[in-house]
Amino acid sequence: MRRLRQFTVVATVTFLMSVLVLVACSAPQSQQGGNSNAAQSSGATDWKAVGQALGKEGSMQPGDVYKVSLPRSDLQVTVGGVAVKPALALGSWVAFKKMGDTAMVMGDLVLTEDEVTPVMTKLQEGGVMQTALHNHVLHESPRVMYMHINATGDAVKIAKAIHDALSLSKTPFAAPAAPPASSDQDLGIDTKQLDQIMGQTGKVNGGVYQFSVPRAETVSDNGMEVPPAMGVATAINFQPTGGGKAAITGDFVLIASEVNPVIKALRDNGIEVTALHSHMLTESPRLFFMHFWANDDAQKLARGMRSALDQMNIAKGQPK
């Protein structure tokens, strides 16, 4: 009987200890989960205010970047007889990344010639810097300019300053109606074959097949890391033009030693170099942005793009 009582006491103590351990383990996890949810809710609220100030909501991108796309769907631009889709070369954007109590903001604004001066003046009044103003393509009609911007500070105030400046242009703030989802057959080019040739995985956006290829090294600006989503990844866009052909444009993001090898690779493959310039002022390593254009067999052009990428220090392990 005594042994039975001893066994009962031991079993009870063991059970109570197990309960205490489970409670002790679960309490911090529950608290941590609550804090995480609260942080996510707070972050969403912060970016919602930024979207409201800018006049259009954005979306989160890799690297904790909040990016707002403002395609110039109002413009009817042609290059070499090709009607340029906004996703090919007319995509204004603004990207925000938190840096402690402040935010780093970068962007690329697509403007007509008449819009450049009023937008620039208003940005200056709002404390938003210009880091470049130039062309990206050649022989386009009407003429289009690209204004690269940078600012650091309160994200909502910066968003409001950019909104006020863009309100002096005809940039649409309302999101256009989403086009129906496109299949490879709808595009008229074999995107799986393009992926294979390029050694990358692209995506369909607004009737254009897009590749984004980050560099291997970390890029910083004014001592702060700049994720690829803030405009420092090589962009290669294919817009189908019929019969298996495509118009291509975008920009290679290069260090100095890569510039001329990439030019040679492009010219060897019949691809025109349309611009070579900087987009930022204080980045490290120093970067050069090379824009290009061609309208030819899509797979032939993909081989030319791959030849150029092979001259660069791009991130390994990209999907193939």
C-alpha atoms as a PDB file:
ATOM      1  CA  MET A   1       0.000   0.000   0.000  1.00  0.00           C
ATOM      2  CA  ARG A   2       2.877   2.323   0.887  1.00  0.00           C
ATOM      3  CA  ARG A   3       4.478   1.607  -2.505  1.00  0.00           C
ATOM      4  CA  LEU A   4       1.212   2.457  -4.237  1.00  0.00           C
ATOM      5  CA  ARG A   5       1.016   5.791  -2.374  1.00  0.00           C
ATOM      6  CA  GLN A   6       4.655   6.570  -3.271  1.00  0.00           C
ATOM      7  CA  PHE A   7       3.993   5.766  -6.923  1.00  0.00           C
ATOM      8  CA  THR A   8       0.890   7.992  -6.905  1.00  0.00           C
ATOM      9  CA  VAL A   9       2.849  10.913  -5.383  1.00  0.00           C
ATOM     10  CA  VAL A  10       5.683  10.552  -7.897  1.00  0.00           C
ATOM     11  CA  ALA A  11       3.257  10.377 -10.814  1.00  0.00           C
ATOM     12  CA  THR A  12       1.392  13.455  -9.598  1.00  0.00           C
ATOM     13  CA  VAL A  13       4.596  15.457  -9.139  1.00  0.00           C
ATOM     14  CA  THR A  14       5.811  14.402 -12.588  1.00  0.00           C
ATOM     15  CA  PHE A  15       2.519  15.464 -14.173  1.00  0.00           C
ATOM     16  CA  LEU A  16       2.563  18.845 -12.434  1.00  0.00           C
ATOM     17  CA  MET A  17       6.163  19.481 -13.507  1.00  0.00           C
ATOM     18  CA  SER A  18       5.250  18.649 -17.109  1.00  0.00           C
ATOM     19  CA  VAL A  19       2.363  21.098 -17.000  1.00  0.00           C
ATOM     20  CA  LEU A  20       4.613  23.830 -15.599  1.00  0.00           C
ATOM     21  CA  VAL A  21       7.216  23.233 -18.335  1.00  0.00           C
ATOM     22  CA  LEU A  22       4.577  23.403 -21.053  1.00  0.00           C
ATOM     23  CA  VAL A  23       3.179  26.646 -19.643  1.00  0.00           C
ATOM     24  CA  ALA A  24       6.640  28.166 -19.309  1.00  0.00           C
ATOM     25  CA  CYS A  25       7.527  27.250 -22.902  1.00  0.00           C
ATOM     26  CA  SER A  26       4.266  28.365 -24.438  1.00  0.00           C
ATOM     27  CA  ALA A  27       3.967  31.749 -22.720  1.00  0.00           C
ATOM     28  CA  PRO A  28       6.971  33.466 -24.342  1.00  0.00           C
ATOM     29  CA  GLN A  29       6.059  32.041 -27.729  1.00  0.00           C
ATOM     30  CA  SER A  30       2.544  33.433 -27.440  1.00  0.00           C
ATOM     31  CA  GLN A  31       3.922  36.778 -26.352  1.00  0.00           C
ATOM     32  CA  GLN A  32       6.471  36.769 -29.153  1.00  0.00           C
ATOM     33  CA  GLY A  33       3.774  35.921 -31.686  1.00  0.00           C
ATOM     34  CA  GLY A  34       1.668  38.801 -30.419  1.00  0.00           C
ATOM     35  CA  ASN A  35       4.593  41.196 -30.721  1.00  0.00           C
ATOM     36  CA  SER A  36       5.323  39.962 -34.249  1.00  0.00           C
ATOM     37  CA  ASN A  37       1.713  40.438 -35.305  1.00  0.00           C
ATOM     38  CA  ALA A  38       1.681  43.886 -33.741  1.00  0.00           C
ATOM     39  CA  ALA A  39       4.904  44.794 -35.565  1.00  0.00           C
ATOM     40  CA  GLN A  40       3.498  43.589 -38.872  1.00  0.00           C
ATOM     41  CA  SER A  41       0.298  45.550 -38.271  1.00  0.00           C
ATOM     42  CA  SER A  42       2.309  48.651 -37.367  1.00  0.00           C
ATOM     43  CA  GLY A  43       4.486  48.265 -40.476  1.00  0.00           C
ATOM     44  CA  ALA A  44       1.439  47.843 -42.708  1.00  0.00           C
ATOM     45  CA  THR A  45      -0.078  50.974 -41.185  1.00  0.00           C
ATOM     46  CA  ASP A  46       3.133  52.924 -41.797  1.00  0.00           C
ATOM     47  CA  TRP A  47       3.270  51.957 -45.475  1.00  0.00           C
ATOM     48  CA  LYS A  48      -0.445  52.551 -45.885  1.00  0.00           C
ATOM     49  CA  ALA A  49       0.124  56.164 -44.852  1.00  0.00           C
ATOM     50  CA  VAL A  50       2.936  56.408 -47.404  1.00  0.00           C
ATOM     51  CA  GLY A  51       0.708  55.049 -50.161  1.00  0.00           C
ATOM     52  CA  GLN A  52      -2.035  57.515 -49.245  1.00  0.00           C
ATOM     53  CA  ALA A  53       0.429  60.425 -49.282  1.00  0.00           C
ATOM     54  CA  LEU A  54       1.824  59.358 -52.647  1.00  0.00           C
ATOM     55  CA  GLY A  55      -1.633  58.858 -54.110  1.00  0.00           C
ATOM     56  CA  LYS A  56      -1.259  55.181 -54.935  1.00  0.00           C
ATOM     57  CA  GLU A  57      -0.709  52.006 -52.936  1.00  0.00           C
ATOM     58  CA  GLY A  58       2.429  49.926 -53.468  1.00  0.00           C
ATOM     59  CA  SER A  59       3.543  46.430 -52.537  1.00  0.00           C
ATOM     60  CA  MET A  60       6.338  44.844 -50.533  1.00  0.00           C
ATOM     61  CA  GLN A  61       9.377  43.614 -52.470  1.00  0.00           C
ATOM     62  CA  PRO A  62      12.373  41.490 -51.371  1.00  0.00           C
ATOM     63  CA  GLY A  63      14.688  43.344 -49.016  1.00  0.00           C
ATOM     64  CA  ASP A  64      11.798  44.966 -47.074  1.00  0.00           C
ATOM     65  CA  VAL A  65      11.276  47.471 -49.880  1.00  0.00           C
ATOM     66  CA  TYR A  66       7.899  49.165 -50.338  1.00  0.00           C
ATOM     67  CA  LYS A  67       7.603  49.934 -54.042  1.00  0.00           C
ATOM     68  CA  VAL A  68       4.955  51.919 -55.889  1.00  0.00           C
ATOM     69  CA  SER A  69       4.649  51.540 -59.665  1.00  0.00           C
ATOM     70  CA  LEU A  70       3.350  54.498 -61.673  1.00  0.00           C
ATOM     71  CA  PRO A  71       3.353  53.376 -65.332  1.00  0.00           C
ATOM     72  CA  ARG A  72       2.873  56.103 -67.917  1.00  0.00           C
ATOM     73  CA  SER A  73      -0.123  54.421 -69.510  1.00  0.00           C
ATOM     74  CA  ASP A  74      -1.225  57.859 -70.712  1.00  0.00           C
ATOM     75  CA  LEU A  75       1.688  58.103 -73.189  1.00  0.00           C
ATOM     76  CA  GLN A  76       1.601  56.707 -76.721  1.00  0.00           C
ATOM     77  CA  VAL A  77       5.303  56.244 -77.471  1.00  0.00           C
ATOM     78  CA  THR A  78       6.775  54.492 -80.504  1.00  0.00           C
ATOM     79  CA  VAL A  79      10.350  53.386 -81.160  1.00  0.00           C
ATOM     80  CA  GLY A  80      11.236  52.123 -84.622  1.00  0.00           C
ATOM     81  CA  GLY A  81       7.586  51.486 -85.407  1.00  0.00           C
ATOM     82  CA  VAL A  82       7.010  49.582 -82.136  1.00  0.00           C
ATOM     83  CA  ALA A  83       4.248  50.886 -79.852  1.00  0.00           C
ATOM     84  CA  VAL A  84       5.981  50.753 -76.478  1.00  0.00           C
ATOM     85  CA  LYS A  85       3.999  49.175 -73.646  1.00  0.00           C
ATOM     86  CA  PRO A  86       4.409  50.839 -70.238  1.00  0.00           C
ATOM     87  CA  ALA A  87       6.057  47.694 -68.833  1.00  0.00           C
ATOM     88  CA  LEU A  88       8.714  47.785 -71.559  1.00  0.00           C
ATOM     89  CA  ALA A  89      10.152  51.266 -70.997  1.00  0.00           C
ATOM     90  CA  LEU A  90       7.591  53.656 -69.491  1.00  0.00           C
ATOM     91  CA  GLY A  91       7.410  52.458 -65.898  1.00  0.00           C
ATOM     92  CA  SER A  92       7.843  55.212 -63.322  1.00  0.00           C
ATOM     93  CA  TRP A  93       8.410  53.878 -59.808  1.00  0.00           C
ATOM     94  CA  VAL A  94       9.253  55.003 -56.285  1.00  0.00           C
ATOM     95  CA  ALA A  95      10.756  52.695 -53.630  1.00  0.00           C
ATOM     96  CA  PHE A  96      10.977  53.152 -49.847  1.00  0.00           C
ATOM     97  CA  LYS A  97      13.106  51.321 -47.293  1.00  0.00           C
ATOM     98  CA  LYS A  98      13.127  51.993 -43.568  1.00  0.00           C
ATOM     99  CA  MET A  99      16.455  52.984 -42.041  1.00  0.00           C
ATOM    100  CA  GLY A 100      15.805  53.233 -38.306  1.00  0.00           C
ATOM    101  CA  ASP A 101      13.531  56.201 -37.689  1.00  0.00           C
ATOM    102  CA  THR A 102      13.890  57.457 -41.256  1.00  0.00           C
ATOM    103  CA  ALA A 103      13.480  56.065 -44.755  1.00  0.00           C
ATOM    104  CA  MET A 104      15.667  55.897 -47.843  1.00  0.00           C
ATOM    105  CA  VAL A 105      13.726  56.684 -50.999  1.00  0.00           C
ATOM    106  CA  MET A 106      14.740  56.173 -54.619  1.00  0.00           C
ATOM    107  CA  GLY A 107      12.820  56.374 -57.849  1.00  0.00           C
ATOM    108  CA  ASP A 108      12.783  56.731 -61.615  1.00  0.00           C
ATOM    109  CA  LEU A 109      10.213  59.107 -63.070  1.00  0.00           C
ATOM    110  CA  VAL A 110       9.211  58.931 -66.741  1.00  0.00           C
ATOM    111  CA  LEU A 111       8.471  62.440 -68.014  1.00  0.00           C
ATOM    112  CA  THR A 112       7.829  64.288 -71.234  1.00  0.00           C
ATOM    113  CA  GLU A 113      10.185  67.143 -72.066  1.00  0.00           C
ATOM    114  CA  ASP A 114       7.623  69.757 -70.996  1.00  0.00           C
ATOM    115  CA  GLU A 115       7.140  68.059 -67.626  1.00  0.00           C
ATOM    116  CA  VAL A 116      10.812  67.973 -66.612  1.00  0.00           C
ATOM    117  CA  THR A 117      11.301  71.514 -65.279  1.00  0.00           C
ATOM    118  CA  PRO A 118       8.050  71.905 -63.277  1.00  0.00           C
ATOM    119  CA  VAL A 119       8.458  68.436 -61.708  1.00  0.00           C
ATOM    120  CA  MET A 120      12.118  69.055 -60.879  1.00  0.00           C
ATOM    121  CA  THR A 121      11.374  72.455 -59.327  1.00  0.00           C
ATOM    122  CA  LYS A 122       8.622  71.035 -57.129  1.00  0.00           C
ATOM    123  CA  LEU A 123      10.802  68.118 -56.022  1.00  0.00           C
ATOM    124  CA  GLN A 124      13.546  70.548 -55.030  1.00  0.00           C
ATOM    125  CA  GLU A 125      11.048  72.547 -52.987  1.00  0.00           C
ATOM    126  CA  GLY A 126      10.063  69.324 -51.209  1.00  0.00           C
ATOM    127  CA  GLY A 127      13.641  68.300 -50.415  1.00  0.00           C
ATOM    128  CA  VAL A 128      13.801  65.478 -52.974  1.00  0.00           C
ATOM    129  CA  MET A 129      17.111  65.355 -54.849  1.00  0.00           C
ATOM    130  CA  GLN A 130      17.706  64.559 -58.507  1.00  0.00           C
ATOM    131  CA  THR A 131      20.565  62.157 -59.155  1.00  0.00           C
ATOM    132  CA  ALA A 132      20.241  61.851 -62.953  1.00  0.00           C
ATOM    133  CA  LEU A 133      18.235  63.152 -65.902  1.00  0.00           C
ATOM    134  CA  HIS A 134      18.659  61.533 -69.302  1.00  0.00           C
ATOM    135  CA  ASN A 135      17.335  59.337 -72.096  1.00  0.00           C
ATOM    136  CA  HIS A 136      17.007  55.548 -71.968  1.00  0.00           C
ATOM    137  CA  VAL A 137      16.162  54.834 -75.619  1.00  0.00           C
ATOM    138  CA  LEU A 138      16.770  56.545 -78.962  1.00  0.00           C
ATOM    139  CA  HIS A 139      14.484  57.853 -81.717  1.00  0.00           C
ATOM    140  CA  GLU A 140      11.359  57.555 -79.599  1.00  0.00           C
ATOM    141  CA  SER A 141       8.343  59.690 -80.402  1.00  0.00           C
ATOM    142  CA  PRO A 142       7.335  61.687 -78.454  1.00  0.00           C
ATOM    143  CA  ARG A 143      10.614  62.368 -76.645  1.00  0.00           C
ATOM    144  CA  VAL A 144      10.768  60.844 -73.148  1.00  0.00           C
ATOM    145  CA  MET A 145      13.134  61.716 -70.298  1.00  0.00           C
ATOM    146  CA  TYR A 146      13.947  59.767 -67.152  1.00  0.00           C
ATOM    147  CA  MET A 147      14.500  61.548 -63.834  1.00  0.00           C
ATOM    148  CA  HIS A 148      16.149  59.559 -61.046  1.00  0.00           C
ATOM    149  CA  ILE A 149      15.476  60.768 -57.513  1.00  0.00           C
ATOM    150  CA  ASN A 150      16.767  60.212 -53.985  1.00  0.00           C
ATOM    151  CA  ALA A 151      15.722  61.366 -50.528  1.00  0.00           C
ATOM    152  CA  THR A 152      16.211  60.429 -46.883  1.00  0.00           C
ATOM    153  CA  GLY A 153      13.854  61.377 -44.072  1.00  0.00           C
ATOM    154  CA  ASP A 154      10.218  60.995 -43.081  1.00  0.00           C
ATOM    155  CA  ALA A 155       8.648  58.591 -45.594  1.00  0.00           C
ATOM    156  CA  VAL A 156       5.197  60.191 -45.543  1.00  0.00           C
ATOM    157  CA  LYS A 157       6.554  63.707 -46.089  1.00  0.00           C
ATOM    158  CA  ILE A 158       8.750  62.512 -48.950  1.00  0.00           C
ATOM    159  CA  ALA A 159       5.802  60.653 -50.518  1.00  0.00           C
ATOM    160  CA  LYS A 160       3.686  63.828 -50.316  1.00  0.00           C
ATOM    161  CA  ALA A 161       6.483  65.864 -51.952  1.00  0.00           C
ATOM    162  CA  ILE A 162       6.735  63.361 -54.818  1.00  0.00           C
ATOM    163  CA  HIS A 163       2.955  63.339 -55.245  1.00  0.00           C
ATOM    164  CA  ASP A 164       2.842  67.123 -55.421  1.00  0.00           C
ATOM    165  CA  ALA A 165       5.609  67.134 -58.039  1.00  0.00           C
ATOM    166  CA  LEU A 166       4.066  64.409 -60.186  1.00  0.00           C
ATOM    167  CA  SER A 167       0.718  66.198 -60.038  1.00  0.00           C
ATOM    168  CA  LEU A 168       2.350  68.761 -62.337  1.00  0.00           C
ATOM    169  CA  SER A 169       2.727  65.990 -64.921  1.00  0.00           C
ATOM    170  CA  LYS A 170       0.091  63.769 -66.489  1.00  0.00           C
ATOM    171  CA  THR A 171       1.306  60.697 -64.591  1.00  0.00           C
ATOM    172  CA  PRO A 172      -1.774  58.540 -63.806  1.00  0.00           C
ATOM    173  CA  PHE A 173      -2.207  57.707 -60.115  1.00  0.00           C
ATOM    174  CA  ALA A 174      -5.174  55.385 -60.585  1.00  0.00           C
ATOM    175  CA  ALA A 175      -4.215  51.782 -61.269  1.00  0.00           C
ATOM    176  CA  PRO A 176      -5.193  50.741 -64.820  1.00  0.00           C
ATOM    177  CA  ALA A 177      -7.496  47.783 -65.237  1.00  0.00           C
ATOM    178  CA  ALA A 178      -5.476  44.588 -64.971  1.00  0.00           C
ATOM    179  CA  PRO A 179      -5.118  42.858 -68.337  1.00  0.00           C
ATOM    180  CA  PRO A 180      -6.146  39.202 -68.533  1.00  0.00           C
ATOM    181  CA  ALA A 181      -3.447  36.750 -67.496  1.00  0.00           C
ATOM    182  CA  SER A 182      -1.201  35.943 -70.451  1.00  0.00           C
ATOM    183  CA  SER A 183       0.076  32.515 -71.346  1.00  0.00           C
ATOM    184  CA  ASP A 184       3.201  31.796 -73.387  1.00  0.00           C
ATOM    185  CA  GLN A 185       0.976  31.240 -76.415  1.00  0.00           C
ATOM    186  CA  ASP A 186      -0.747  34.603 -75.883  1.00  0.00           C
ATOM    187  CA  LEU A 187       2.621  36.384 -75.831  1.00  0.00           C
ATOM    188  CA  GLY A 188       3.710  34.733 -79.061  1.00  0.00           C
ATOM    189  CA  ILE A 189       7.196  33.894 -77.752  1.00  0.00           C
ATOM    190  CA  ASP A 190       8.442  30.763 -75.995  1.00  0.00           C
ATOM    191  CA  THR A 191       9.199  32.128 -72.532  1.00  0.00           C
ATOM    192  CA  LYS A 192      10.398  28.764 -71.212  1.00  0.00           C
ATOM    193  CA  GLN A 193      12.999  28.692 -73.946  1.00  0.00           C
ATOM    194  CA  LEU A 194      14.004  32.259 -73.076  1.00  0.00           C
ATOM    195  CA  ASP A 195      14.454  31.187 -69.432  1.00  0.00           C
ATOM    196  CA  GLN A 196      16.645  28.303 -70.548  1.00  0.00           C
ATOM    197  CA  ILE A 197      18.831  30.481 -72.750  1.00  0.00           C
ATOM    198  CA  MET A 198      19.118  33.291 -70.203  1.00  0.00           C
ATOM    199  CA  GLY A 199      19.753  31.015 -67.240  1.00  0.00           C
ATOM    200  CA  GLN A 200      17.120  33.027 -65.341  1.00  0.00           C
ATOM    201  CA  THR A 201      13.401  32.917 -64.679  1.00  0.00           C
ATOM    202  CA  GLY A 202      11.319  35.783 -66.013  1.00  0.00           C
ATOM    203  CA  LYS A 203       7.746  36.870 -65.379  1.00  0.00           C
ATOM    204  CA  VAL A 204       4.910  38.305 -67.455  1.00  0.00           C
ATOM    205  CA  ASN A 205       3.949  41.893 -66.635  1.00  0.00           C
ATOM    206  CA  GLY A 206       1.583  43.939 -68.770  1.00  0.00           C
ATOM    207  CA  GLY A 207       2.228  41.944 -71.946  1.00  0.00           C
ATOM    208  CA  VAL A 208       6.004  42.100 -71.454  1.00  0.00           C
ATOM    209  CA  TYR A 209       8.324  39.280 -70.332  1.00  0.00           C
ATOM    210  CA  GLN A 210      10.708  40.648 -67.714  1.00  0.00           C
ATOM    211  CA  PHE A 211      13.956  39.486 -66.153  1.00  0.00           C
ATOM    212  CA  SER A 212      15.555  41.015 -63.056  1.00  0.00           C
ATOM    213  CA  VAL A 213      19.137  39.945 -62.346  1.00  0.00           C
ATOM    214  CA  PRO A 214      20.818  41.189 -59.142  1.00  0.00           C
ATOM    215  CA  ARG A 215      24.553  41.744 -58.811  1.00  0.00           C
ATOM    216  CA  ALA A 216      26.601  39.447 -56.578  1.00  0.00           C
ATOM    217  CA  GLU A 217      28.049  42.195 -54.409  1.00  0.00           C
ATOM    218  CA  THR A 218      26.181  44.394 -51.950  1.00  0.00           C
ATOM    219  CA  VAL A 219      25.430  47.887 -53.246  1.00  0.00           C
ATOM    220  CA  SER A 220      25.310  50.803 -50.809  1.00  0.00           C
ATOM    221  CA  ASP A 221      24.476  54.479 -51.139  1.00  0.00           C
ATOM    222  CA  ASN A 222      25.626  57.021 -48.573  1.00  0.00           C
ATOM    223  CA  GLY A 223      26.570  54.091 -46.347  1.00  0.00           C
ATOM    224  CA  MET A 224      23.151  52.385 -46.523  1.00  0.00           C
ATOM    225  CA  GLU A 225      22.537  49.067 -48.280  1.00  0.00           C
ATOM    226  CA  VAL A 226      20.456  49.358 -51.446  1.00  0.00           C
ATOM    227  CA  PRO A 227      18.449  46.182 -52.197  1.00  0.00           C
ATOM    228  CA  PRO A 228      18.123  45.106 -55.855  1.00  0.00           C
ATOM    229  CA  ALA A 229      14.431  46.107 -55.815  1.00  0.00           C
ATOM    230  CA  MET A 230      15.483  49.753 -55.502  1.00  0.00           C
ATOM    231  CA  GLY A 231      16.819  49.879 -59.050  1.00  0.00           C
ATOM    232  CA  VAL A 232      20.216  48.191 -58.844  1.00  0.00           C
ATOM    233  CA  ALA A 233      19.319  44.905 -60.562  1.00  0.00           C
ATOM    234  CA  THR A 234      19.849  44.431 -64.296  1.00  0.00           C
ATOM    235  CA  ALA A 235      16.464  44.700 -66.044  1.00  0.00           C
ATOM    236  CA  ILE A 236      15.841  42.931 -69.366  1.00  0.00           C
ATOM    237  CA  ASN A 237      12.403  43.237 -70.976  1.00  0.00           C
ATOM    238  CA  PHE A 238      10.962  41.420 -74.010  1.00  0.00           C
ATOM    239  CA  GLN A 239       7.861  42.833 -75.726  1.00  0.00           C
ATOM    240  CA  PRO A 240       6.565  40.480 -78.449  1.00  0.00           C
ATOM    241  CA  THR A 241       6.261  42.106 -81.872  1.00  0.00           C
ATOM    242  CA  GLY A 242       4.895  39.142 -83.865  1.00  0.00           C
ATOM    243  CA  GLY A 243       6.337  36.125 -85.675  1.00  0.00           C
ATOM    244  CA  GLY A 244       8.465  35.045 -82.707  1.00  0.00           C
ATOM    245  CA  LYS A 245      10.172  38.429 -82.585  1.00  0.00           C
ATOM    246  CA  ALA A 246      10.449  40.824 -79.666  1.00  0.00           C
ATOM    247  CA  ALA A 247      11.569  44.353 -78.919  1.00  0.00           C
ATOM    248  CA  ILE A 248      13.982  44.393 -76.007  1.00  0.00           C
ATOM    249  CA  THR A 249      15.181  47.137 -73.718  1.00  0.00           C
ATOM    250  CA  GLY A 250      16.192  47.663 -70.103  1.00  0.00           C
ATOM    251  CA  ASP A 251      19.490  48.372 -68.434  1.00  0.00           C
ATOM    252  CA  PHE A 252      22.604  46.495 -67.402  1.00  0.00           C
ATOM    253  CA  VAL A 253      23.991  47.485 -63.992  1.00  0.00           C
ATOM    254  CA  LEU A 254      27.771  47.418 -64.370  1.00  0.00           C
ATOM    255  CA  ILE A 255      31.024  48.209 -62.632  1.00  0.00           C
ATOM    256  CA  ALA A 256      33.653  50.022 -64.706  1.00  0.00           C
ATOM    257  CA  SER A 257      35.606  46.940 -65.792  1.00  0.00           C
ATOM    258  CA  GLU A 258      32.436  45.339 -67.227  1.00  0.00           C
ATOM    259  CA  VAL A 259      31.302  48.260 -69.394  1.00  0.00           C
ATOM    260  CA  ASN A 260      33.233  47.596 -72.582  1.00  0.00           C
ATOM    261  CA  PRO A 261      33.029  43.779 -72.480  1.00  0.00           C
ATOM    262  CA  VAL A 262      29.231  44.139 -72.267  1.00  0.00           C
ATOM    263  CA  ILE A 263      29.185  46.690 -75.108  1.00  0.00           C
ATOM    264  CA  LYS A 264      31.140  44.234 -77.266  1.00  0.00           C
ATOM    265  CA  ALA A 265      28.799  41.363 -76.378  1.00  0.00           C
ATOM    266  CA  LEU A 266      25.754  43.428 -77.312  1.00  0.00           C
ATOM    267  CA  ARG A 267      27.177  44.763 -80.578  1.00  0.00           C
ATOM    268  CA  ASP A 268      28.408  41.286 -81.575  1.00  0.00           C
ATOM    269  CA  ASN A 269      24.773  40.194 -81.314  1.00  0.00           C
ATOM    270  CA  GLY A 270      23.270  43.112 -83.230  1.00  0.00           C
ATOM    271  CA  ILE A 271      21.913  44.873 -80.135  1.00  0.00           C
ATOM    272  CA  GLU A 272      22.111  48.683 -80.064  1.00  0.00           C
ATOM    273  CA  VAL A 273      23.514  50.508 -77.029  1.00  0.00           C
ATOM    274  CA  THR A 274      21.274  53.535 -76.474  1.00  0.00           C
ATOM    275  CA  ALA A 275      22.676  55.103 -73.291  1.00  0.00           C
ATOM    276  CA  LEU A 276      25.503  54.752 -70.776  1.00  0.00           C
ATOM    277  CA  HIS A 277      25.375  56.813 -67.604  1.00  0.00           C
ATOM    278  CA  SER A 278      24.961  56.913 -63.819  1.00  0.00           C
ATOM    279  CA  HIS A 279      21.679  56.757 -61.921  1.00  0.00           C
ATOM    280  CA  MET A 280      23.022  57.605 -58.434  1.00  0.00           C
ATOM    281  CA  LEU A 281      25.618  59.928 -56.925  1.00  0.00           C
ATOM    282  CA  THR A 282      27.259  58.259 -53.907  1.00  0.00           C
ATOM    283  CA  GLU A 283      26.845  54.535 -54.525  1.00  0.00           C
ATOM    284  CA  SER A 284      29.496  51.921 -53.761  1.00  0.00           C
ATOM    285  CA  PRO A 285      30.770  50.208 -55.830  1.00  0.00           C
ATOM    286  CA  ARG A 286      30.531  52.830 -58.573  1.00  0.00           C
ATOM    287  CA  LEU A 287      27.852  51.695 -61.027  1.00  0.00           C
ATOM    288  CA  PHE A 288      27.153  52.427 -64.682  1.00  0.00           C
ATOM    289  CA  PHE A 289      23.785  51.794 -66.297  1.00  0.00           C
ATOM    290  CA  MET A 290      23.758  50.685 -69.921  1.00  0.00           C
ATOM    291  CA  HIS A 291      20.479  50.812 -71.868  1.00  0.00           C
ATOM    292  CA  PHE A 292      19.891  48.902 -75.092  1.00  0.00           C
ATOM    293  CA  TRP A 293      17.388  48.261 -77.876  1.00  0.00           C
ATOM    294  CA  ALA A 294      16.718  45.677 -80.570  1.00  0.00           C
ATOM    295  CA  ASN A 295      13.739  44.163 -82.372  1.00  0.00           C
ATOM    296  CA  ASP A 296      14.536  40.697 -83.681  1.00  0.00           C
ATOM    297  CA  ASP A 297      13.993  36.983 -83.110  1.00  0.00           C
ATOM    298  CA  ALA A 298      13.381  36.634 -79.366  1.00  0.00           C
ATOM    299  CA  GLN A 299      15.603  33.600 -78.863  1.00  0.00           C
ATOM    300  CA  LYS A 300      18.433  35.175 -80.844  1.00  0.00           C
ATOM    301  CA  LEU A 301      18.208  38.262 -78.657  1.00  0.00           C
ATOM    302  CA  ALA A 302      18.123  36.129 -75.506  1.00  0.00           C
ATOM    303  CA  ARG A 303      21.427  34.577 -76.562  1.00  0.00           C
ATOM    304  CA  GLY A 304      22.850  38.081 -76.930  1.00  0.00           C
ATOM    305  CA  MET A 305      21.573  38.999 -73.480  1.00  0.00           C
ATOM    306  CA  ARG A 306      23.109  35.858 -72.003  1.00  0.00           C
ATOM    307  CA  SER A 307      26.432  36.677 -73.641  1.00  0.00           C
ATOM    308  CA  ALA A 308      26.365  40.082 -71.952  1.00  0.00           C
ATOM    309  CA  LEU A 309      25.342  38.659 -68.561  1.00  0.00           C
ATOM    310  CA  ASP A 310      28.281  36.264 -68.755  1.00  0.00           C
ATOM    311  CA  GLN A 311      30.608  39.291 -68.632  1.00  0.00           C
ATOM    312  CA  MET A 312      29.183  40.398 -65.286  1.00  0.00           C
ATOM    313  CA  ASN A 313      29.463  39.519 -61.619  1.00  0.00           C
ATOM    314  CA  ILE A 314      25.832  38.531 -61.138  1.00  0.00           C
ATOM    315  CA  ALA A 315      24.382  36.696 -58.154  1.00  0.00           C
ATOM    316  CA  LYS A 316      24.806  32.942 -58.385  1.00  0.00           C
ATOM    317  CA  GLY A 317      22.066  30.470 -57.795  1.00  0.00           C
ATOM    318  CA  GLN A 318      19.468  32.310 -59.859  1.00  0.00           C
ATOM    319  CA  PRO A 319      16.597  30.065 -61.036  1.00  0.00           C
ATOM    320  CA  LYS A 320      17.269  28.379 -64.363  1.00  0.00           C
END
